[in-house]
Each structure stands twice: as structure tokens, then as C-alpha cells.
Amino acid sequence: MKFKTPAQIFLAVAIIAALFLPGFLKIRNLRDQNRDLHQKYRRLEAENALLKIELQRLENDQVYQEKILREKMGVVRKNEVPVKLVPQE
């Protein structure tokens, strides 16, 4: 097929673009989503590793257990008086 006028060339290019552009855009969108999911996966993997370390410390380290109990749960030993500091405004 020979193109004789610029209008025919433009029409051929427009048809080719109409056929391939949606597929190209879909692939590009999926590639972006894949990249985002890989980043999220790496971040969650790192967070999971930190949580495993935390769990291991909570199960095995008595000093750490006491620290968490005192700081986060407000537990005091027998004969201790709890003191709560209130910042001045």
C-alpha cells in the first residue's frame, strides 16, 4: 500500500496509534503498580524483621520485659510508689 498524500500518512499513523496506545498505557500502568508493590514488600519485610527481634526480646530478655512493663503498662514493684510527672504549661 502506497501513501500518496500527507492525509493518508496521518490517517495510517492515527490508526496504528489507536491500536497500540491502550496496550502500551496498560503495560506502563502495571509496571508502575509492580514497582510500588515491590517497594511496599521491601518495607514490610524490614518491619517484619524488626518485629521478630522485638518479639524475641520480649520472650527472652527479662530486663527488657521489665522495661516494657514499667514504661508502657505502668507496672510497679511491691513497695514502690509510682510518680507521674506532669509537664507545666
PDB file of N, CA and C in Angstrom:
ATOM      1  N   MET A   1       0.845  -1.170   0.000  1.00  0.00           N
ATOM      2  CA  MET A   1       0.000   0.000   0.000  1.00  0.00           C
ATOM      3  C   MET A   1       0.894   1.237   0.000  1.00  0.00           C
ATOM      4  N   LYS A   2       0.659   2.102  -0.929  1.00  0.00           N
ATOM      5  CA  LYS A   2       1.447   3.322  -1.040  1.00  0.00           C
ATOM      6  C   LYS A   2       0.593   4.493  -0.577  1.00  0.00           C
ATOM      7  N   PHE A   3       1.244   5.366   0.181  1.00  0.00           N
ATOM      8  CA  PHE A   3       0.565   6.569   0.664  1.00  0.00           C
ATOM      9  C   PHE A   3       0.870   7.704  -0.302  1.00  0.00           C
ATOM     10  N   LYS A   4      -0.156   8.371  -0.745  1.00  0.00           N
ATOM     11  CA  LYS A   4       0.024   9.412  -1.746  1.00  0.00           C
ATOM     12  C   LYS A   4      -0.039  10.809  -1.152  1.00  0.00           C
ATOM     13  N   THR A   5      -0.755  10.967  -0.080  1.00  0.00           N
ATOM     14  CA  THR A   5      -0.911  12.309   0.479  1.00  0.00           C
ATOM     15  C   THR A   5      -0.564  12.299   1.966  1.00  0.00           C
ATOM     16  N   PRO A   6      -0.227  13.471   2.485  1.00  0.00           N
ATOM     17  CA  PRO A   6       0.038  13.555   3.924  1.00  0.00           C
ATOM     18  C   PRO A   6      -1.174  13.153   4.764  1.00  0.00           C
ATOM     19  N   ALA A   7      -2.367  13.360   4.268  1.00  0.00           N
ATOM     20  CA  ALA A   7      -3.570  12.971   5.000  1.00  0.00           C
ATOM     21  C   ALA A   7      -3.634  11.461   5.155  1.00  0.00           C
ATOM     22  N   GLN A   8      -3.229  10.724   4.134  1.00  0.00           N
ATOM     23  CA  GLN A   8      -3.226   9.260   4.216  1.00  0.00           C
ATOM     24  C   GLN A   8      -2.183   8.774   5.225  1.00  0.00           C
ATOM     25  N   ILE A   9      -1.039   9.428   5.220  1.00  0.00           N
ATOM     26  CA  ILE A   9       0.009   9.076   6.191  1.00  0.00           C
ATOM     27  C   ILE A   9      -0.480   9.347   7.602  1.00  0.00           C
ATOM     28  N   PHE A  10      -1.082  10.519   7.804  1.00  0.00           N
ATOM     29  CA  PHE A  10      -1.607  10.876   9.122  1.00  0.00           C
ATOM     30  C   PHE A  10      -2.669   9.883   9.573  1.00  0.00           C
ATOM     31  N   LEU A  11      -3.540   9.485   8.673  1.00  0.00           N
ATOM     32  CA  LEU A  11      -4.600   8.530   8.987  1.00  0.00           C
ATOM     33  C   LEU A  11      -4.005   7.178   9.379  1.00  0.00           C
ATOM     34  N   ALA A  12      -2.981   6.737   8.655  1.00  0.00           N
ATOM     35  CA  ALA A  12      -2.333   5.455   8.970  1.00  0.00           C
ATOM     36  C   ALA A  12      -1.680   5.512  10.349  1.00  0.00           C
ATOM     37  N   VAL A  13      -1.000   6.614  10.647  1.00  0.00           N
ATOM     38  CA  VAL A  13      -0.361   6.776  11.961  1.00  0.00           C
ATOM     39  C   VAL A  13      -1.416   6.814  13.059  1.00  0.00           C
ATOM     40  N   ALA A  14      -2.520   7.504  12.826  1.00  0.00           N
ATOM     41  CA  ALA A  14      -3.595   7.600  13.818  1.00  0.00           C
ATOM     42  C   ALA A  14      -4.205   6.229  14.093  1.00  0.00           C
ATOM     43  N   ILE A  15      -4.391   5.429  13.070  1.00  0.00           N
ATOM     44  CA  ILE A  15      -4.954   4.085  13.246  1.00  0.00           C
ATOM     45  C   ILE A  15      -3.998   3.205  14.036  1.00  0.00           C
ATOM     46  N   ILE A  16      -2.716   3.268  13.693  1.00  0.00           N
ATOM     47  CA  ILE A  16      -1.710   2.469  14.412  1.00  0.00           C
ATOM     48  C   ILE A  16      -1.650   2.901  15.873  1.00  0.00           C
ATOM     49  N   ALA A  17      -1.665   4.208  16.120  1.00  0.00           N
ATOM     50  CA  ALA A  17      -1.637   4.712  17.492  1.00  0.00           C
ATOM     51  C   ALA A  17      -2.877   4.266  18.258  1.00  0.00           C
ATOM     52  N   ALA A  18      -4.038   4.308  17.621  1.00  0.00           N
ATOM     53  CA  ALA A  18      -5.279   3.897  18.270  1.00  0.00           C
ATOM     54  C   ALA A  18      -5.247   2.420  18.633  1.00  0.00           C
ATOM     55  N   LEU A  19      -4.564   1.627  17.838  1.00  0.00           N
ATOM     56  CA  LEU A  19      -4.491   0.188  18.113  1.00  0.00           C
ATOM     57  C   LEU A  19      -3.509  -0.140  19.239  1.00  0.00           C
ATOM     58  N   PHE A  20      -2.368   0.542  19.268  1.00  0.00           N
ATOM     59  CA  PHE A  20      -1.308   0.160  20.199  1.00  0.00           C
ATOM     60  C   PHE A  20      -1.231   1.003  21.458  1.00  0.00           C
ATOM     61  N   LEU A  21      -1.753   2.207  21.454  1.00  0.00           N
ATOM     62  CA  LEU A  21      -1.631   3.090  22.614  1.00  0.00           C
ATOM     63  C   LEU A  21      -2.310   2.544  23.870  1.00  0.00           C
ATOM     64  N   PRO A  22      -3.530   2.010  23.809  1.00  0.00           N
ATOM     65  CA  PRO A  22      -4.149   1.488  25.044  1.00  0.00           C
ATOM     66  C   PRO A  22      -3.329   0.359  25.680  1.00  0.00           C
ATOM     67  N   GLY A  23      -2.817  -0.533  24.867  1.00  0.00           N
ATOM     68  CA  GLY A  23      -1.997  -1.625  25.393  1.00  0.00           C
ATOM     69  C   GLY A  23      -0.716  -1.105  26.021  1.00  0.00           C
ATOM     70  N   PHE A  24      -0.096  -0.148  25.371  1.00  0.00           N
ATOM     71  CA  PHE A  24       1.134   0.445  25.900  1.00  0.00           C
ATOM     72  C   PHE A  24       0.875   1.119  27.238  1.00  0.00           C
ATOM     73  N   LEU A  25      -0.226   1.878  27.329  1.00  0.00           N
ATOM     74  CA  LEU A  25      -0.557   2.562  28.574  1.00  0.00           C
ATOM     75  C   LEU A  25      -0.876   1.566  29.686  1.00  0.00           C
ATOM     76  N   LYS A  26      -1.538   0.476  29.354  1.00  0.00           N
ATOM     77  CA  LYS A  26      -1.857  -0.567  30.346  1.00  0.00           C
ATOM     78  C   LYS A  26      -0.579  -1.195  30.884  1.00  0.00           C
ATOM     79  N   ILE A  27       0.350  -1.509  30.002  1.00  0.00           N
ATOM     80  CA  ILE A  27       1.626  -2.098  30.425  1.00  0.00           C
ATOM     81  C   ILE A  27       2.390  -1.125  31.315  1.00  0.00           C
ATOM     82  N   ARG A  28       2.400   0.120  30.942  1.00  0.00           N
ATOM     83  CA  ARG A  28       3.097   1.139  31.742  1.00  0.00           C
ATOM     84  C   ARG A  28       2.467   1.265  33.131  1.00  0.00           C
ATOM     85  N   ASN A  29       1.142   1.269  33.182  1.00  0.00           N
ATOM     86  CA  ASN A  29       0.443   1.358  34.458  1.00  0.00           C
ATOM     87  C   ASN A  29       0.740   0.133  35.328  1.00  0.00           C
ATOM     88  N   LEU A  30       0.720  -1.041  34.748  1.00  0.00           N
ATOM     89  CA  LEU A  30       1.016  -2.266  35.500  1.00  0.00           C
ATOM     90  C   LEU A  30       2.463  -2.280  35.995  1.00  0.00           C
ATOM     91  N   ARG A  31       3.376  -1.763  35.189  1.00  0.00           N
ATOM     92  CA  ARG A  31       4.781  -1.687  35.597  1.00  0.00           C
ATOM     93  C   ARG A  31       4.940  -0.761  36.808  1.00  0.00           C
ATOM     94  N   ASP A  32       4.230   0.369  36.794  1.00  0.00           N
ATOM     95  CA  ASP A  32       4.272   1.294  37.925  1.00  0.00           C
ATOM     96  C   ASP A  32       3.689   0.653  39.188  1.00  0.00           C
ATOM     97  N   GLN A  33       2.568  -0.045  39.027  1.00  0.00           N
ATOM     98  CA  GLN A  33       1.967  -0.733  40.173  1.00  0.00           C
ATOM     99  C   GLN A  33       2.903  -1.799  40.720  1.00  0.00           C
ATOM    100  N   ASN A  34       3.566  -2.525  39.845  1.00  0.00           N
ATOM    101  CA  ASN A  34       4.505  -3.560  40.256  1.00  0.00           C
ATOM    102  C   ASN A  34       5.656  -2.964  41.047  1.00  0.00           C
ATOM    103  N   ARG A  35       6.188  -1.832  40.570  1.00  0.00           N
ATOM    104  CA  ARG A  35       7.281  -1.165  41.282  1.00  0.00           C
ATOM    105  C   ARG A  35       6.820  -0.729  42.677  1.00  0.00           C
ATOM    106  N   ASP A  36       5.621  -0.156  42.765  1.00  0.00           N
ATOM    107  CA  ASP A  36       5.097   0.286  44.056  1.00  0.00           C
ATOM    108  C   ASP A  36       4.908  -0.893  45.014  1.00  0.00           C
ATOM    109  N   LEU A  37       4.419  -2.002  44.494  1.00  0.00           N
ATOM    110  CA  LEU A  37       4.224  -3.182  45.338  1.00  0.00           C
ATOM    111  C   LEU A  37       5.552  -3.759  45.813  1.00  0.00           C
ATOM    112  N   HIS A  38       6.567  -3.722  44.972  1.00  0.00           N
ATOM    113  CA  HIS A  38       7.888  -4.200  45.396  1.00  0.00           C
ATOM    114  C   HIS A  38       8.450  -3.320  46.510  1.00  0.00           C
ATOM    115  N   GLN A  39       8.263  -2.016  46.409  1.00  0.00           N
ATOM    116  CA  GLN A  39       8.725  -1.121  47.466  1.00  0.00           C
ATOM    117  C   GLN A  39       7.979  -1.388  48.764  1.00  0.00           C
ATOM    118  N   LYS A  40       6.676  -1.566  48.663  1.00  0.00           N
ATOM    119  CA  LYS A  40       5.874  -1.864  49.853  1.00  0.00           C
ATOM    120  C   LYS A  40       6.312  -3.199  50.472  1.00  0.00           C
ATOM    121  N   TYR A  41       6.579  -4.192  49.635  1.00  0.00           N
ATOM    122  CA  TYR A  41       7.023  -5.500  50.100  1.00  0.00           C
ATOM    123  C   TYR A  41       8.345  -5.388  50.864  1.00  0.00           C
ATOM    124  N   ARG A  42       9.290  -4.634  50.307  1.00  0.00           N
ATOM    125  CA  ARG A  42      10.588  -4.468  50.984  1.00  0.00           C
ATOM    126  C   ARG A  42      10.423  -3.757  52.323  1.00  0.00           C
ATOM    127  N   ARG A  43       9.552  -2.726  52.357  1.00  0.00           N
ATOM    128  CA  ARG A  43       9.317  -2.006  53.600  1.00  0.00           C
ATOM    129  C   ARG A  43       8.669  -2.922  54.651  1.00  0.00           C
ATOM    130  N   LEU A  44       7.691  -3.719  54.231  1.00  0.00           N
ATOM    131  CA  LEU A  44       7.032  -4.636  55.156  1.00  0.00           C
ATOM    132  C   LEU A  44       7.968  -5.748  55.615  1.00  0.00           C
ATOM    133  N   GLU A  45       8.846  -6.170  54.741  1.00  0.00           N
ATOM    134  CA  GLU A  45       9.831  -7.180  55.118  1.00  0.00           C
ATOM    135  C   GLU A  45      10.767  -6.655  56.214  1.00  0.00           C
ATOM    136  N   ALA A  46      11.209  -5.415  56.067  1.00  0.00           N
ATOM    137  CA  ALA A  46      12.071  -4.805  57.082  1.00  0.00           C
ATOM    138  C   ALA A  46      11.313  -4.628  58.402  1.00  0.00           C
ATOM    139  N   GLU A  47      10.073  -4.186  58.317  1.00  0.00           N
ATOM    140  CA  GLU A  47       9.259  -4.020  59.514  1.00  0.00           C
ATOM    141  C   GLU A  47       9.024  -5.363  60.210  1.00  0.00           C
ATOM    142  N   ASN A  48       8.804  -6.395  59.421  1.00  0.00           N
ATOM    143  CA  ASN A  48       8.611  -7.735  59.971  1.00  0.00           C
ATOM    144  C   ASN A  48       9.864  -8.223  60.692  1.00  0.00           C
ATOM    145  N   ALA A  49      11.026  -7.961  60.125  1.00  0.00           N
ATOM    146  CA  ALA A  49      12.283  -8.355  60.773  1.00  0.00           C
ATOM    147  C   ALA A  49      12.441  -7.644  62.113  1.00  0.00           C
ATOM    148  N   LEU A  50      12.110  -6.354  62.167  1.00  0.00           N
ATOM    149  CA  LEU A  50      12.197  -5.616  63.435  1.00  0.00           C
ATOM    150  C   LEU A  50      11.209  -6.163  64.460  1.00  0.00           C
ATOM    151  N   LEU A  51      10.022  -6.522  64.014  1.00  0.00           N
ATOM    152  CA  LEU A  51       9.026  -7.084  64.935  1.00  0.00           C
ATOM    153  C   LEU A  51       9.455  -8.456  65.456  1.00  0.00           C
ATOM    154  N   LYS A  52      10.124  -9.229  64.628  1.00  0.00           N
ATOM    155  CA  LYS A  52      10.638 -10.528  65.093  1.00  0.00           C
ATOM    156  C   LYS A  52      11.693 -10.338  66.172  1.00  0.00           C
ATOM    157  N   ILE A  53      12.557  -9.344  65.988  1.00  0.00           N
ATOM    158  CA  ILE A  53      13.575  -9.048  67.005  1.00  0.00           C
ATOM    159  C   ILE A  53      12.902  -8.603  68.292  1.00  0.00           C
ATOM    160  N   GLU A  54      11.902  -7.736  68.172  1.00  0.00           N
ATOM    161  CA  GLU A  54      11.152  -7.259  69.338  1.00  0.00           C
ATOM    162  C   GLU A  54      10.496  -8.430  70.071  1.00  0.00           C
ATOM    163  N   LEU A  55       9.879  -9.327  69.328  1.00  0.00           N
ATOM    164  CA  LEU A  55       9.227 -10.485  69.934  1.00  0.00           C
ATOM    165  C   LEU A  55      10.236 -11.374  70.643  1.00  0.00           C
ATOM    166  N   GLN A  56      11.369 -11.578  70.020  1.00  0.00           N
ATOM    167  CA  GLN A  56      12.410 -12.402  70.622  1.00  0.00           C
ATOM    168  C   GLN A  56      12.891 -11.781  71.934  1.00  0.00           C
ATOM    169  N   ARG A  57      13.063 -10.463  71.936  1.00  0.00           N
ATOM    170  CA  ARG A  57      13.486  -9.788  73.168  1.00  0.00           C
ATOM    171  C   ARG A  57      12.413  -9.894  74.247  1.00  0.00           C
ATOM    172  N   LEU A  58      11.152  -9.751  73.847  1.00  0.00           N
ATOM    173  CA  LEU A  58      10.065  -9.846  74.824  1.00  0.00           C
ATOM    174  C   LEU A  58       9.961 -11.245  75.415  1.00  0.00           C
ATOM    175  N   GLU A  59      10.279 -12.251  74.639  1.00  0.00           N
ATOM    176  CA  GLU A  59      10.191 -13.626  75.130  1.00  0.00           C
ATOM    177  C   GLU A  59      11.392 -14.031  75.976  1.00  0.00           C
ATOM    178  N   ASN A  60      12.570 -13.465  75.698  1.00  0.00           N
ATOM    179  CA  ASN A  60      13.794 -13.998  76.309  1.00  0.00           C
ATOM    180  C   ASN A  60      14.539 -13.034  77.227  1.00  0.00           C
ATOM    181  N   ASP A  61      14.343 -11.756  77.117  1.00  0.00           N
ATOM    182  CA  ASP A  61      15.138 -10.765  77.854  1.00  0.00           C
ATOM    183  C   ASP A  61      14.306 -10.200  79.014  1.00  0.00           C
ATOM    184  N   GLN A  62      14.625 -10.641  80.231  1.00  0.00           N
ATOM    185  CA  GLN A  62      13.851 -10.220  81.401  1.00  0.00           C
ATOM    186  C   GLN A  62      14.007  -8.733  81.695  1.00  0.00           C
ATOM    187  N   VAL A  63      15.177  -8.186  81.456  1.00  0.00           N
ATOM    188  CA  VAL A  63      15.390  -6.761  81.688  1.00  0.00           C
ATOM    189  C   VAL A  63      14.516  -5.946  80.737  1.00  0.00           C
ATOM    190  N   TYR A  64      14.454  -6.375  79.495  1.00  0.00           N
ATOM    191  CA  TYR A  64      13.626  -5.688  78.502  1.00  0.00           C
ATOM    192  C   TYR A  64      12.143  -5.841  78.850  1.00  0.00           C
ATOM    193  N   GLN A  65      11.773  -7.032  79.305  1.00  0.00           N
ATOM    194  CA  GLN A  65      10.384  -7.249  79.716  1.00  0.00           C
ATOM    195  C   GLN A  65       9.987  -6.277  80.825  1.00  0.00           C
ATOM    196  N   GLU A  66      10.852  -6.129  81.811  1.00  0.00           N
ATOM    197  CA  GLU A  66      10.557  -5.223  82.920  1.00  0.00           C
ATOM    198  C   GLU A  66      10.460  -3.783  82.429  1.00  0.00           C
ATOM    199  N   LYS A  67      11.356  -3.396  81.542  1.00  0.00           N
ATOM    200  CA  LYS A  67      11.334  -2.043  80.993  1.00  0.00           C
ATOM    201  C   LYS A  67      10.006  -1.757  80.305  1.00  0.00           C
ATOM    202  N   ILE A  68       9.554  -2.686  79.471  1.00  0.00           N
ATOM    203  CA  ILE A  68       8.284  -2.511  78.765  1.00  0.00           C
ATOM    204  C   ILE A  68       7.118  -2.463  79.744  1.00  0.00           C
ATOM    205  N   LEU A  69       7.131  -3.362  80.715  1.00  0.00           N
ATOM    206  CA  LEU A  69       6.061  -3.367  81.719  1.00  0.00           C
ATOM    207  C   LEU A  69       5.988  -2.039  82.460  1.00  0.00           C
ATOM    208  N   ARG A  70       7.131  -1.503  82.831  1.00  0.00           N
ATOM    209  CA  ARG A  70       7.154  -0.249  83.581  1.00  0.00           C
ATOM    210  C   ARG A  70       6.753   0.945  82.706  1.00  0.00           C
ATOM    211  N   GLU A  71       7.336   1.038  81.504  1.00  0.00           N
ATOM    212  CA  GLU A  71       7.114   2.216  80.654  1.00  0.00           C
ATOM    213  C   GLU A  71       5.731   2.232  79.999  1.00  0.00           C
ATOM    214  N   LYS A  72       5.324   1.115  79.465  1.00  0.00           N
ATOM    215  CA  LYS A  72       4.097   1.108  78.671  1.00  0.00           C
ATOM    216  C   LYS A  72       2.868   0.688  79.454  1.00  0.00           C
ATOM    217  N   MET A  73       3.072  -0.101  80.487  1.00  0.00           N
ATOM    218  CA  MET A  73       1.915  -0.614  81.209  1.00  0.00           C
ATOM    219  C   MET A  73       1.798  -0.030  82.616  1.00  0.00           C
ATOM    220  N   GLY A  74       2.795   0.717  83.057  1.00  0.00           N
ATOM    221  CA  GLY A  74       2.720   1.367  84.359  1.00  0.00           C
ATOM    222  C   GLY A  74       2.826   0.425  85.539  1.00  0.00           C
ATOM    223  N   VAL A  75       3.430  -0.730  85.363  1.00  0.00           N
ATOM    224  CA  VAL A  75       3.569  -1.700  86.448  1.00  0.00           C
ATOM    225  C   VAL A  75       4.677  -1.241  87.395  1.00  0.00           C
ATOM    226  N   VAL A  76       4.417  -1.391  88.699  1.00  0.00           N
ATOM    227  CA  VAL A  76       5.428  -1.061  89.710  1.00  0.00           C
ATOM    228  C   VAL A  76       5.664  -2.291  90.578  1.00  0.00           C
ATOM    229  N   ARG A  77       6.832  -2.331  91.178  1.00  0.00           N
ATOM    230  CA  ARG A  77       7.142  -3.433  92.082  1.00  0.00           C
ATOM    231  C   ARG A  77       6.458  -3.214  93.424  1.00  0.00           C
ATOM    232  N   LYS A  78       6.423  -4.276  94.193  1.00  0.00           N
ATOM    233  CA  LYS A  78       5.857  -4.201  95.527  1.00  0.00           C
ATOM    234  C   LYS A  78       6.685  -3.209  96.349  1.00  0.00           C
ATOM    235  N   ASN A  79       6.017  -2.373  97.104  1.00  0.00           N
ATOM    236  CA  ASN A  79       6.623  -1.354  97.969  1.00  0.00           C
ATOM    237  C   ASN A  79       7.196  -0.167  97.189  1.00  0.00           C
ATOM    238  N   GLU A  80       6.918  -0.050  95.898  1.00  0.00           N
ATOM    239  CA  GLU A  80       7.339   1.123  95.132  1.00  0.00           C
ATOM    240  C   GLU A  80       6.170   2.103  95.057  1.00  0.00           C
ATOM    241  N   VAL A  81       6.507   3.370  95.040  1.00  0.00           N
ATOM    242  CA  VAL A  81       5.477   4.398  94.912  1.00  0.00           C
ATOM    243  C   VAL A  81       5.582   4.967  93.504  1.00  0.00           C
ATOM    244  N   PRO A  82       4.517   4.856  92.728  1.00  0.00           N
ATOM    245  CA  PRO A  82       4.579   5.403  91.363  1.00  0.00           C
ATOM    246  C   PRO A  82       4.513   6.927  91.410  1.00  0.00           C
ATOM    247  N   VAL A  83       5.357   7.554  90.586  1.00  0.00           N
ATOM    248  CA  VAL A  83       5.390   9.007  90.493  1.00  0.00           C
ATOM    249  C   VAL A  83       5.123   9.380  89.043  1.00  0.00           C
ATOM    250  N   LYS A  84       4.164  10.269  88.850  1.00  0.00           N
ATOM    251  CA  LYS A  84       3.837  10.702  87.497  1.00  0.00           C
ATOM    252  C   LYS A  84       4.186  12.187  87.394  1.00  0.00           C
ATOM    253  N   LEU A  85       5.063  12.514  86.454  1.00  0.00           N
ATOM    254  CA  LEU A  85       5.466  13.897  86.239  1.00  0.00           C
ATOM    255  C   LEU A  85       4.553  14.530  85.200  1.00  0.00           C
ATOM    256  N   VAL A  86       3.979  15.649  85.551  1.00  0.00           N
ATOM    257  CA  VAL A  86       3.111  16.371  84.643  1.00  0.00           C
ATOM    258  C   VAL A  86       3.830  17.618  84.189  1.00  0.00           C
ATOM    259  N   PRO A  87       4.024  17.785  82.879  1.00  0.00           N
ATOM    260  CA  PRO A  87       4.737  18.985  82.403  1.00  0.00           C
ATOM    261  C   PRO A  87       3.916  20.258  82.667  1.00  0.00           C
ATOM    262  N   GLN A  88       4.629  21.322  83.006  1.00  0.00           N
ATOM    263  CA  GLN A  88       3.952  22.600  83.264  1.00  0.00           C
ATOM    264  C   GLN A  88       3.628  23.257  81.923  1.00  0.00           C
ATOM    265  N   GLU A  89       2.516  23.964  81.913  1.00  0.00           N
ATOM    266  CA  GLU A  89       2.090  24.630  80.688  1.00  0.00           C
ATOM    267  C   GLU A  89       2.576  26.066  80.667  1.00  0.00           C
TER     268      GLU A  89
END
